[in-house]
Amino acid sequence: MGPCLAGLCLAGLLACNPQQKPAGQALVFASNREGNWEICRINLNTREFQNLSRYPDIDKSPAVAPDGQRVAFVSSREGQDDLYTLELDGSNLSRLTQDLAWERDPVWSPDGRQLIFVSDREGQDDLYLMNVNSRASQRISKDPASEREPTWSPDGKKLALIKQKADQTSLEMFTLADGKRQTLISAPELRAPAWSPDGLQLAFVMQAEKKAEIFILDLESGEKKQLTRHAAWTADPTWSPDGKSLVFVSTRDGNPEIYRIEANGKNEKRLTENPAAEAHPAWVP
């Protein structure tokens, strides 16, 4: 694969460098606390809650743009799962995809100009790259296995993703410039990779003693460590902008709520408390 895909250029992405960021004071997430799944926002200091999408259908899988101004998400409001964007005040809804296939798992490029997402528009679950302004998109992977949950490296050069074939999953690295792949971990059930802001680690969910737990993989040494240890279901880890903590979803207090834990495994704290369910938390930079 060359440096440009149907006018979708990667050159600007490959030149970017991750920089230290503040801790982050707000989250965007999916919640059904108002009767159906919506895209919502919470200020972690004031606990102010805002329903951003406000539509009587399923809105899910939010991904906040690097500049903190927009959120991409998946909605079935027109019958099938398509990609949309909203401003973070709930204004300027824009539909990005319109086809009979379904799209899911959007993730922004580090410069905020492009999205990678998963679609079955060619008959299998593959990765697609979209220019957000022109909405032109190009298939960038073609694998007989199902691919899902891509996460973009902070320097823009690689993706980490989950590949599933039969009853086996693998956490893979995908180099955007040439399409080369590297298998990092294989296990019966892997989910939700999330790149640390410094690009040195990947958080992910893996089965441990018959329950889902969060692990962190050091990409230089290959060493992995278990971050959470609880009998309840755990999902959707994502790093804080400063890389010092992660938020995740767990049922450890009864229903799916959002929690925060330091990257060293200490000081776990519950962030939401509602009888409904929360999912897919994303930090606002």
C-alpha atoms as a PDB file:
ATOM      1  CA  MET A   1       0.000   0.000   0.000  1.00  0.00           C
ATOM      2  CA  GLY A   2       1.426   3.398  -0.961  1.00  0.00           C
ATOM      3  CA  PRO A   3       1.435   6.636   1.034  1.00  0.00           C
ATOM      4  CA  CYS A   4      -1.845   7.822  -0.542  1.00  0.00           C
ATOM      5  CA  LEU A   5      -5.148   5.977  -0.824  1.00  0.00           C
ATOM      6  CA  ALA A   6      -7.685   7.409  -3.293  1.00  0.00           C
ATOM      7  CA  GLY A   7      -6.620  10.917  -2.307  1.00  0.00           C
ATOM      8  CA  LEU A   8      -6.435  10.009   1.383  1.00  0.00           C
ATOM      9  CA  CYS A   9      -2.863  10.946   2.242  1.00  0.00           C
ATOM     10  CA  LEU A  10      -0.976   9.616   5.236  1.00  0.00           C
ATOM     11  CA  ALA A  11       2.059  11.890   4.951  1.00  0.00           C
ATOM     12  CA  GLY A  12       0.794  14.426   7.469  1.00  0.00           C
ATOM     13  CA  LEU A  13       0.021  11.683   9.957  1.00  0.00           C
ATOM     14  CA  LEU A  14       3.427  10.071   9.754  1.00  0.00           C
ATOM     15  CA  ALA A  15       5.150  13.320  10.677  1.00  0.00           C
ATOM     16  CA  CYS A  16       3.221  14.011  13.861  1.00  0.00           C
ATOM     17  CA  ASN A  17       4.698  13.503  17.317  1.00  0.00           C
ATOM     18  CA  PRO A  18       2.820  12.730  20.536  1.00  0.00           C
ATOM     19  CA  GLN A  19       3.033  15.508  23.121  1.00  0.00           C
ATOM     20  CA  GLN A  20       2.329  15.608  26.840  1.00  0.00           C
ATOM     21  CA  LYS A  21      -1.300  16.475  27.525  1.00  0.00           C
ATOM     22  CA  PRO A  22      -3.299  17.476  30.613  1.00  0.00           C
ATOM     23  CA  ALA A  23      -5.252  14.910  32.598  1.00  0.00           C
ATOM     24  CA  GLY A  24      -8.674  15.508  31.012  1.00  0.00           C
ATOM     25  CA  GLN A  25     -11.739  16.676  32.908  1.00  0.00           C
ATOM     26  CA  ALA A  26     -14.662  15.348  30.863  1.00  0.00           C
ATOM     27  CA  LEU A  27     -15.842  12.107  29.284  1.00  0.00           C
ATOM     28  CA  VAL A  28     -18.112  11.307  26.365  1.00  0.00           C
ATOM     29  CA  PHE A  29     -19.822   7.910  26.499  1.00  0.00           C
ATOM     30  CA  ALA A  30     -22.908   5.960  25.455  1.00  0.00           C
ATOM     31  CA  SER A  31     -25.711   5.668  28.009  1.00  0.00           C
ATOM     32  CA  ASN A  32     -29.292   4.431  28.102  1.00  0.00           C
ATOM     33  CA  ARG A  33     -30.189   6.398  31.232  1.00  0.00           C
ATOM     34  CA  GLU A  34     -32.868   8.345  29.308  1.00  0.00           C
ATOM     35  CA  GLY A  35     -34.575   5.284  27.818  1.00  0.00           C
ATOM     36  CA  ASN A  36     -32.440   4.491  24.772  1.00  0.00           C
ATOM     37  CA  TRP A  37     -28.754   4.554  23.913  1.00  0.00           C
ATOM     38  CA  GLU A  38     -27.523   8.126  23.473  1.00  0.00           C
ATOM     39  CA  ILE A  39     -24.176   9.895  23.204  1.00  0.00           C
ATOM     40  CA  CYS A  40     -23.644  11.751  26.474  1.00  0.00           C
ATOM     41  CA  ARG A  41     -21.069  13.918  28.204  1.00  0.00           C
ATOM     42  CA  ILE A  42     -20.129  14.310  31.862  1.00  0.00           C
ATOM     43  CA  ASN A  43     -17.884  16.886  33.517  1.00  0.00           C
ATOM     44  CA  LEU A  44     -15.807  14.949  36.048  1.00  0.00           C
ATOM     45  CA  ASN A  45     -15.394  17.973  38.324  1.00  0.00           C
ATOM     46  CA  THR A  46     -18.990  19.237  38.474  1.00  0.00           C
ATOM     47  CA  ARG A  47     -20.749  15.945  37.542  1.00  0.00           C
ATOM     48  CA  GLU A  48     -22.851  17.928  35.056  1.00  0.00           C
ATOM     49  CA  PHE A  49     -24.486  15.480  32.606  1.00  0.00           C
ATOM     50  CA  GLN A  50     -25.513  16.331  29.041  1.00  0.00           C
ATOM     51  CA  ASN A  51     -27.315  14.222  26.437  1.00  0.00           C
ATOM     52  CA  LEU A  52     -25.659  15.199  23.148  1.00  0.00           C
ATOM     53  CA  SER A  53     -27.452  13.111  20.522  1.00  0.00           C
ATOM     54  CA  ARG A  54     -31.097  13.169  21.718  1.00  0.00           C
ATOM     55  CA  TYR A  55     -32.658  10.774  19.228  1.00  0.00           C
ATOM     56  CA  PRO A  56     -35.075   7.853  19.869  1.00  0.00           C
ATOM     57  CA  ASP A  57     -32.806   5.185  18.395  1.00  0.00           C
ATOM     58  CA  ILE A  58     -29.443   3.586  19.130  1.00  0.00           C
ATOM     59  CA  ASP A  59     -26.408   5.909  19.207  1.00  0.00           C
ATOM     60  CA  LYS A  60     -23.161   4.276  20.340  1.00  0.00           C
ATOM     61  CA  SER A  61     -19.358   3.964  20.045  1.00  0.00           C
ATOM     62  CA  PRO A  62     -18.343   7.621  20.488  1.00  0.00           C
ATOM     63  CA  ALA A  63     -14.842   8.757  19.491  1.00  0.00           C
ATOM     64  CA  VAL A  64     -13.786  12.296  20.406  1.00  0.00           C
ATOM     65  CA  ALA A  65     -11.727  14.258  17.867  1.00  0.00           C
ATOM     66  CA  PRO A  66      -8.176  15.194  18.936  1.00  0.00           C
ATOM     67  CA  ASP A  67      -9.118  18.888  19.153  1.00  0.00           C
ATOM     68  CA  GLY A  68     -12.012  18.078  21.504  1.00  0.00           C
ATOM     69  CA  GLN A  69     -14.565  19.827  19.292  1.00  0.00           C
ATOM     70  CA  ARG A  70     -16.428  16.913  17.681  1.00  0.00           C
ATOM     71  CA  VAL A  71     -17.446  13.360  18.397  1.00  0.00           C
ATOM     72  CA  ALA A  72     -17.836  10.625  15.777  1.00  0.00           C
ATOM     73  CA  PHE A  73     -20.293   7.871  16.607  1.00  0.00           C
ATOM     74  CA  VAL A  74     -22.431   5.057  15.201  1.00  0.00           C
ATOM     75  CA  SER A  75     -26.207   5.426  14.854  1.00  0.00           C
ATOM     76  CA  SER A  76     -28.991   3.271  13.432  1.00  0.00           C
ATOM     77  CA  ARG A  77     -31.396   6.230  13.143  1.00  0.00           C
ATOM     78  CA  GLU A  78     -31.734   5.727   9.365  1.00  0.00           C
ATOM     79  CA  GLY A  79     -32.165   1.955   9.551  1.00  0.00           C
ATOM     80  CA  GLN A  80     -28.597   0.653   9.475  1.00  0.00           C
ATOM     81  CA  ASP A  81     -25.475   1.484  11.446  1.00  0.00           C
ATOM     82  CA  ASP A  82     -23.852   4.548   9.863  1.00  0.00           C
ATOM     83  CA  LEU A  83     -21.220   7.033  11.006  1.00  0.00           C
ATOM     84  CA  TYR A  84     -22.154  10.522  12.195  1.00  0.00           C
ATOM     85  CA  THR A  85     -20.436  13.460  13.847  1.00  0.00           C
ATOM     86  CA  LEU A  86     -21.695  16.013  16.359  1.00  0.00           C
ATOM     87  CA  GLU A  87     -20.178  19.078  17.934  1.00  0.00           C
ATOM     88  CA  LEU A  88     -19.564  18.555  21.640  1.00  0.00           C
ATOM     89  CA  ASP A  89     -22.376  20.961  22.476  1.00  0.00           C
ATOM     90  CA  GLY A  90     -24.817  18.670  20.629  1.00  0.00           C
ATOM     91  CA  SER A  91     -25.086  20.837  17.493  1.00  0.00           C
ATOM     92  CA  ASN A  92     -24.251  20.290  13.807  1.00  0.00           C
ATOM     93  CA  LEU A  93     -25.193  16.660  13.295  1.00  0.00           C
ATOM     94  CA  SER A  94     -23.531  15.337  10.130  1.00  0.00           C
ATOM     95  CA  ARG A  95     -23.990  11.937   8.500  1.00  0.00           C
ATOM     96  CA  LEU A  96     -20.730  10.564   7.089  1.00  0.00           C
ATOM     97  CA  THR A  97     -21.786   7.241   5.536  1.00  0.00           C
ATOM     98  CA  GLN A  98     -24.886   6.219   3.592  1.00  0.00           C
ATOM     99  CA  ASP A  99     -24.943   2.651   2.332  1.00  0.00           C
ATOM    100  CA  LEU A 100     -26.689  -0.645   3.009  1.00  0.00           C
ATOM    101  CA  ALA A 101     -23.733  -2.058   4.920  1.00  0.00           C
ATOM    102  CA  TRP A 102     -23.061  -1.332   8.565  1.00  0.00           C
ATOM    103  CA  GLU A 103     -20.170   0.674   9.939  1.00  0.00           C
ATOM    104  CA  ARG A 104     -18.709   0.579  13.446  1.00  0.00           C
ATOM    105  CA  ASP A 105     -15.678   1.325  15.643  1.00  0.00           C
ATOM    106  CA  PRO A 106     -14.700   4.801  14.344  1.00  0.00           C
ATOM    107  CA  VAL A 107     -11.320   6.165  15.441  1.00  0.00           C
ATOM    108  CA  TRP A 108      -9.805   9.562  14.582  1.00  0.00           C
ATOM    109  CA  SER A 109      -6.390  10.140  13.059  1.00  0.00           C
ATOM    110  CA  PRO A 110      -4.045  12.095  15.360  1.00  0.00           C
ATOM    111  CA  ASP A 111      -4.463  15.212  13.186  1.00  0.00           C
ATOM    112  CA  GLY A 112      -8.275  14.940  13.219  1.00  0.00           C
ATOM    113  CA  ARG A 113      -8.621  14.938   9.432  1.00  0.00           C
ATOM    114  CA  GLN A 114      -9.448  11.272   8.901  1.00  0.00           C
ATOM    115  CA  LEU A 115     -11.311   8.366  10.436  1.00  0.00           C
ATOM    116  CA  ILE A 116     -10.637   4.672  10.310  1.00  0.00           C
ATOM    117  CA  PHE A 117     -13.646   2.421  10.827  1.00  0.00           C
ATOM    118  CA  VAL A 118     -14.832  -1.147  10.303  1.00  0.00           C
ATOM    119  CA  SER A 119     -17.403  -2.027   7.631  1.00  0.00           C
ATOM    120  CA  ASP A 120     -18.805  -5.117   5.950  1.00  0.00           C
ATOM    121  CA  ARG A 121     -19.608  -3.264   2.698  1.00  0.00           C
ATOM    122  CA  GLU A 122     -17.400  -5.697   0.730  1.00  0.00           C
ATOM    123  CA  GLY A 123     -18.853  -8.764   2.445  1.00  0.00           C
ATOM    124  CA  GLN A 124     -16.467  -9.069   5.387  1.00  0.00           C
ATOM    125  CA  ASP A 125     -15.366  -6.950   8.337  1.00  0.00           C
ATOM    126  CA  ASP A 126     -12.460  -4.858   7.058  1.00  0.00           C
ATOM    127  CA  LEU A 127     -10.822  -1.513   7.791  1.00  0.00           C
ATOM    128  CA  TYR A 128     -11.648   1.650   5.850  1.00  0.00           C
ATOM    129  CA  LEU A 129      -9.986   5.071   5.824  1.00  0.00           C
ATOM    130  CA  MET A 130     -12.150   8.182   5.361  1.00  0.00           C
ATOM    131  CA  ASN A 131     -11.317  11.824   4.728  1.00  0.00           C
ATOM    132  CA  VAL A 132     -13.774  13.524   7.088  1.00  0.00           C
ATOM    133  CA  ASN A 133     -14.182  16.670   4.979  1.00  0.00           C
ATOM    134  CA  SER A 134     -14.687  15.030   1.567  1.00  0.00           C
ATOM    135  CA  ARG A 135     -16.162  11.791   3.008  1.00  0.00           C
ATOM    136  CA  ALA A 136     -14.189   9.815   0.434  1.00  0.00           C
ATOM    137  CA  SER A 137     -13.275   6.420   1.839  1.00  0.00           C
ATOM    138  CA  GLN A 138     -10.991   3.580   0.828  1.00  0.00           C
ATOM    139  CA  ARG A 139     -10.680  -0.002   1.998  1.00  0.00           C
ATOM    140  CA  ILE A 140      -7.209  -0.459   3.516  1.00  0.00           C
ATOM    141  CA  SER A 141      -7.334  -4.091   4.616  1.00  0.00           C
ATOM    142  CA  LYS A 142      -8.511  -7.303   3.032  1.00  0.00           C
ATOM    143  CA  ASP A 143      -8.337 -10.258   5.363  1.00  0.00           C
ATOM    144  CA  PRO A 144     -10.555 -13.358   5.471  1.00  0.00           C
ATOM    145  CA  ALA A 145     -10.746 -12.984   9.262  1.00  0.00           C
ATOM    146  CA  SER A 146     -13.024 -10.475  10.971  1.00  0.00           C
ATOM    147  CA  GLU A 147     -11.311  -7.238  12.027  1.00  0.00           C
ATOM    148  CA  ARG A 148     -12.601  -4.864  14.689  1.00  0.00           C
ATOM    149  CA  GLU A 149     -11.834  -2.213  17.304  1.00  0.00           C
ATOM    150  CA  PRO A 150      -8.914  -0.377  15.650  1.00  0.00           C
ATOM    151  CA  THR A 151      -6.936   2.138  17.713  1.00  0.00           C
ATOM    152  CA  TRP A 152      -4.553   4.641  16.108  1.00  0.00           C
ATOM    153  CA  SER A 153      -0.997   5.091  17.389  1.00  0.00           C
ATOM    154  CA  PRO A 154      -0.245   8.627  18.626  1.00  0.00           C
ATOM    155  CA  ASP A 155       2.417   9.118  15.925  1.00  0.00           C
ATOM    156  CA  GLY A 156      -0.079   8.190  13.195  1.00  0.00           C
ATOM    157  CA  LYS A 157       2.017   5.370  11.751  1.00  0.00           C
ATOM    158  CA  LYS A 158       0.225   2.252  12.981  1.00  0.00           C
ATOM    159  CA  LEU A 159      -3.031   0.736  14.108  1.00  0.00           C
ATOM    160  CA  ALA A 160      -3.623  -1.867  16.754  1.00  0.00           C
ATOM    161  CA  LEU A 161      -6.719  -3.990  16.200  1.00  0.00           C
ATOM    162  CA  ILE A 162      -8.438  -7.235  17.063  1.00  0.00           C
ATOM    163  CA  LYS A 163      -8.631  -9.982  14.449  1.00  0.00           C
ATOM    164  CA  GLN A 164     -10.957 -12.923  14.956  1.00  0.00           C
ATOM    165  CA  LYS A 165     -10.860 -16.204  13.076  1.00  0.00           C
ATOM    166  CA  ALA A 166     -13.127 -19.025  14.246  1.00  0.00           C
ATOM    167  CA  ASP A 167     -12.741 -19.257  18.033  1.00  0.00           C
ATOM    168  CA  GLN A 168      -9.354 -17.501  18.228  1.00  0.00           C
ATOM    169  CA  THR A 169      -8.571 -13.796  18.476  1.00  0.00           C
ATOM    170  CA  SER A 170      -5.317 -11.911  18.068  1.00  0.00           C
ATOM    171  CA  LEU A 171      -4.104  -8.428  18.924  1.00  0.00           C
ATOM    172  CA  GLU A 172      -2.323  -7.184  15.813  1.00  0.00           C
ATOM    173  CA  MET A 173      -0.215  -4.224  14.776  1.00  0.00           C
ATOM    174  CA  PHE A 174      -0.978  -2.844  11.298  1.00  0.00           C
ATOM    175  CA  THR A 175       1.513  -0.466   9.652  1.00  0.00           C
ATOM    176  CA  LEU A 176      -0.337   2.086   7.530  1.00  0.00           C
ATOM    177  CA  ALA A 177       2.491   2.893   5.105  1.00  0.00           C
ATOM    178  CA  ASP A 178       2.928  -0.643   3.780  1.00  0.00           C
ATOM    179  CA  GLY A 179       0.123  -2.764   5.272  1.00  0.00           C
ATOM    180  CA  LYS A 180       2.513  -5.028   7.186  1.00  0.00           C
ATOM    181  CA  ARG A 181       1.090  -6.882  10.194  1.00  0.00           C
ATOM    182  CA  GLN A 182       2.539  -8.157  13.430  1.00  0.00           C
ATOM    183  CA  THR A 183       0.705 -10.431  15.860  1.00  0.00           C
ATOM    184  CA  LEU A 184       1.313  -9.263  19.426  1.00  0.00           C
ATOM    185  CA  ILE A 185      -0.890 -11.642  21.435  1.00  0.00           C
ATOM    186  CA  SER A 186      -3.213 -14.535  20.591  1.00  0.00           C
ATOM    187  CA  ALA A 187      -5.932 -15.769  22.955  1.00  0.00           C
ATOM    188  CA  PRO A 188      -9.489 -17.126  22.800  1.00  0.00           C
ATOM    189  CA  GLU A 189     -11.011 -13.735  23.686  1.00  0.00           C
ATOM    190  CA  LEU A 190      -9.300 -10.363  23.213  1.00  0.00           C
ATOM    191  CA  ARG A 191     -11.073  -7.017  22.997  1.00  0.00           C
ATOM    192  CA  ALA A 192     -10.802  -3.235  23.072  1.00  0.00           C
ATOM    193  CA  PRO A 193      -7.143  -2.287  22.498  1.00  0.00           C
ATOM    194  CA  ALA A 194      -6.268   1.270  23.532  1.00  0.00           C
ATOM    195  CA  TRP A 195      -2.972   3.005  22.809  1.00  0.00           C
ATOM    196  CA  SER A 196      -1.267   4.986  25.575  1.00  0.00           C
ATOM    197  CA  PRO A 197      -0.637   8.667  24.739  1.00  0.00           C
ATOM    198  CA  ASP A 198       3.142   8.123  24.637  1.00  0.00           C
ATOM    199  CA  GLY A 199       2.737   5.238  22.169  1.00  0.00           C
ATOM    200  CA  LEU A 200       4.686   2.804  24.358  1.00  0.00           C
ATOM    201  CA  GLN A 201       1.863   0.657  25.732  1.00  0.00           C
ATOM    202  CA  LEU A 202      -1.419  -0.936  24.735  1.00  0.00           C
ATOM    203  CA  ALA A 203      -4.264  -1.600  27.148  1.00  0.00           C
ATOM    204  CA  PHE A 204      -6.681  -4.364  26.186  1.00  0.00           C
ATOM    205  CA  VAL A 205      -9.239  -6.777  27.623  1.00  0.00           C
ATOM    206  CA  MET A 206      -8.454 -10.484  27.894  1.00  0.00           C
ATOM    207  CA  GLN A 207     -10.044 -13.447  29.632  1.00  0.00           C
ATOM    208  CA  ALA A 208      -8.269 -14.307  32.895  1.00  0.00           C
ATOM    209  CA  GLU A 209      -9.593 -17.099  35.097  1.00  0.00           C
ATOM    210  CA  LYS A 210     -12.868 -17.120  33.138  1.00  0.00           C
ATOM    211  CA  LYS A 211     -13.515 -13.383  33.490  1.00  0.00           C
ATOM    212  CA  ALA A 212     -12.617 -10.329  31.427  1.00  0.00           C
ATOM    213  CA  GLU A 213      -9.797  -8.221  32.848  1.00  0.00           C
ATOM    214  CA  ILE A 214      -7.727  -5.269  31.629  1.00  0.00           C
ATOM    215  CA  PHE A 215      -4.076  -5.889  30.792  1.00  0.00           C
ATOM    216  CA  ILE A 216      -1.301  -3.531  29.686  1.00  0.00           C
ATOM    217  CA  LEU A 217       1.268  -4.610  27.094  1.00  0.00           C
ATOM    218  CA  ASP A 218       4.692  -2.954  26.986  1.00  0.00           C
ATOM    219  CA  LEU A 219       5.432  -2.718  23.265  1.00  0.00           C
ATOM    220  CA  GLU A 220       9.216  -2.621  23.664  1.00  0.00           C
ATOM    221  CA  SER A 221       9.675  -5.552  26.037  1.00  0.00           C
ATOM    222  CA  GLY A 222       6.561  -7.542  25.128  1.00  0.00           C
ATOM    223  CA  GLU A 223       5.752  -7.875  28.828  1.00  0.00           C
ATOM    224  CA  LYS A 224       2.098  -7.753  29.819  1.00  0.00           C
ATOM    225  CA  LYS A 225       0.701  -7.014  33.256  1.00  0.00           C
ATOM    226  CA  GLN A 226      -2.796  -7.441  34.648  1.00  0.00           C
ATOM    227  CA  LEU A 227      -4.345  -4.120  35.714  1.00  0.00           C
ATOM    228  CA  THR A 228      -7.753  -5.136  37.109  1.00  0.00           C
ATOM    229  CA  ARG A 229      -8.682  -8.090  39.301  1.00  0.00           C
ATOM    230  CA  HIS A 230     -12.387  -8.481  39.936  1.00  0.00           C
ATOM    231  CA  ALA A 231     -15.052 -11.139  39.524  1.00  0.00           C
ATOM    232  CA  ALA A 232     -17.307  -8.776  37.549  1.00  0.00           C
ATOM    233  CA  TRP A 233     -17.383  -8.050  33.815  1.00  0.00           C
ATOM    234  CA  THR A 234     -14.872  -5.410  32.622  1.00  0.00           C
ATOM    235  CA  ALA A 235     -14.693  -3.650  29.232  1.00  0.00           C
ATOM    236  CA  ASP A 236     -13.770  -0.583  27.163  1.00  0.00           C
ATOM    237  CA  PRO A 237     -10.477   0.702  28.650  1.00  0.00           C
ATOM    238  CA  THR A 238      -9.228   4.070  27.458  1.00  0.00           C
ATOM    239  CA  TRP A 239      -6.246   6.136  28.613  1.00  0.00           C
ATOM    240  CA  SER A 240      -6.446   9.605  30.110  1.00  0.00           C
ATOM    241  CA  PRO A 241      -4.804  12.284  27.937  1.00  0.00           C
ATOM    242  CA  ASP A 242      -1.819  12.469  30.326  1.00  0.00           C
ATOM    243  CA  GLY A 243      -1.392   8.670  30.347  1.00  0.00           C
ATOM    244  CA  LYS A 244      -1.506   8.415  34.142  1.00  0.00           C
ATOM    245  CA  SER A 245      -4.848   6.634  34.442  1.00  0.00           C
ATOM    246  CA  LEU A 246      -7.489   4.727  32.484  1.00  0.00           C
ATOM    247  CA  VAL A 247     -11.262   4.666  32.544  1.00  0.00           C
ATOM    248  CA  PHE A 248     -13.247   1.514  31.859  1.00  0.00           C
ATOM    249  CA  VAL A 249     -16.709  -0.017  32.202  1.00  0.00           C
ATOM    250  CA  SER A 250     -17.545  -2.674  34.778  1.00  0.00           C
ATOM    251  CA  THR A 251     -20.530  -4.352  36.419  1.00  0.00           C
ATOM    252  CA  ARG A 252     -18.744  -4.707  39.765  1.00  0.00           C
ATOM    253  CA  ASP A 253     -21.430  -2.640  41.508  1.00  0.00           C
ATOM    254  CA  GLY A 254     -24.379  -4.260  39.720  1.00  0.00           C
ATOM    255  CA  ASN A 255     -24.870  -2.468  36.411  1.00  0.00           C
ATOM    256  CA  PRO A 256     -22.391  -1.205  33.791  1.00  0.00           C
ATOM    257  CA  GLU A 257     -20.764   1.936  35.199  1.00  0.00           C
ATOM    258  CA  ILE A 258     -17.600   3.898  34.403  1.00  0.00           C
ATOM    259  CA  TYR A 259     -14.560   3.621  36.676  1.00  0.00           C
ATOM    260  CA  ARG A 260     -11.100   5.136  36.752  1.00  0.00           C
ATOM    261  CA  ILE A 261      -7.882   3.415  37.822  1.00  0.00           C
ATOM    262  CA  GLU A 262      -4.285   4.617  37.860  1.00  0.00           C
ATOM    263  CA  ALA A 263      -1.972   3.012  35.315  1.00  0.00           C
ATOM    264  CA  ASN A 264      -0.129   1.298  38.173  1.00  0.00           C
ATOM    265  CA  GLY A 265      -3.347  -0.471  39.236  1.00  0.00           C
ATOM    266  CA  LYS A 266      -3.995   1.695  42.302  1.00  0.00           C
ATOM    267  CA  ASN A 267      -6.763   4.066  43.426  1.00  0.00           C
ATOM    268  CA  GLU A 268      -9.747   2.668  41.568  1.00  0.00           C
ATOM    269  CA  LYS A 269     -12.730   5.050  41.670  1.00  0.00           C
ATOM    270  CA  ARG A 270     -16.306   4.863  40.394  1.00  0.00           C
ATOM    271  CA  LEU A 271     -17.156   7.863  38.168  1.00  0.00           C
ATOM    272  CA  THR A 272     -20.826   7.290  37.282  1.00  0.00           C
ATOM    273  CA  GLU A 273     -23.689   6.114  39.446  1.00  0.00           C
ATOM    274  CA  ASN A 274     -26.976   5.505  37.674  1.00  0.00           C
ATOM    275  CA  PRO A 275     -29.494   2.621  37.457  1.00  0.00           C
ATOM    276  CA  ALA A 276     -29.025   2.538  33.668  1.00  0.00           C
ATOM    277  CA  ALA A 277     -26.005   1.277  31.707  1.00  0.00           C
ATOM    278  CA  GLU A 278     -22.967   3.172  30.408  1.00  0.00           C
ATOM    279  CA  ALA A 279     -20.539   2.068  27.675  1.00  0.00           C
ATOM    280  CA  HIS A 280     -17.625   3.157  25.463  1.00  0.00           C
ATOM    281  CA  PRO A 281     -16.119   6.035  27.495  1.00  0.00           C
ATOM    282  CA  ALA A 282     -13.882   8.472  25.603  1.00  0.00           C
ATOM    283  CA  TRP A 283     -11.876  11.310  27.128  1.00  0.00           C
ATOM    284  CA  VAL A 284     -12.360  14.893  25.982  1.00  0.00           C
ATOM    285  CA  PRO A 285      -8.838  16.292  25.402  1.00  0.00           C
END
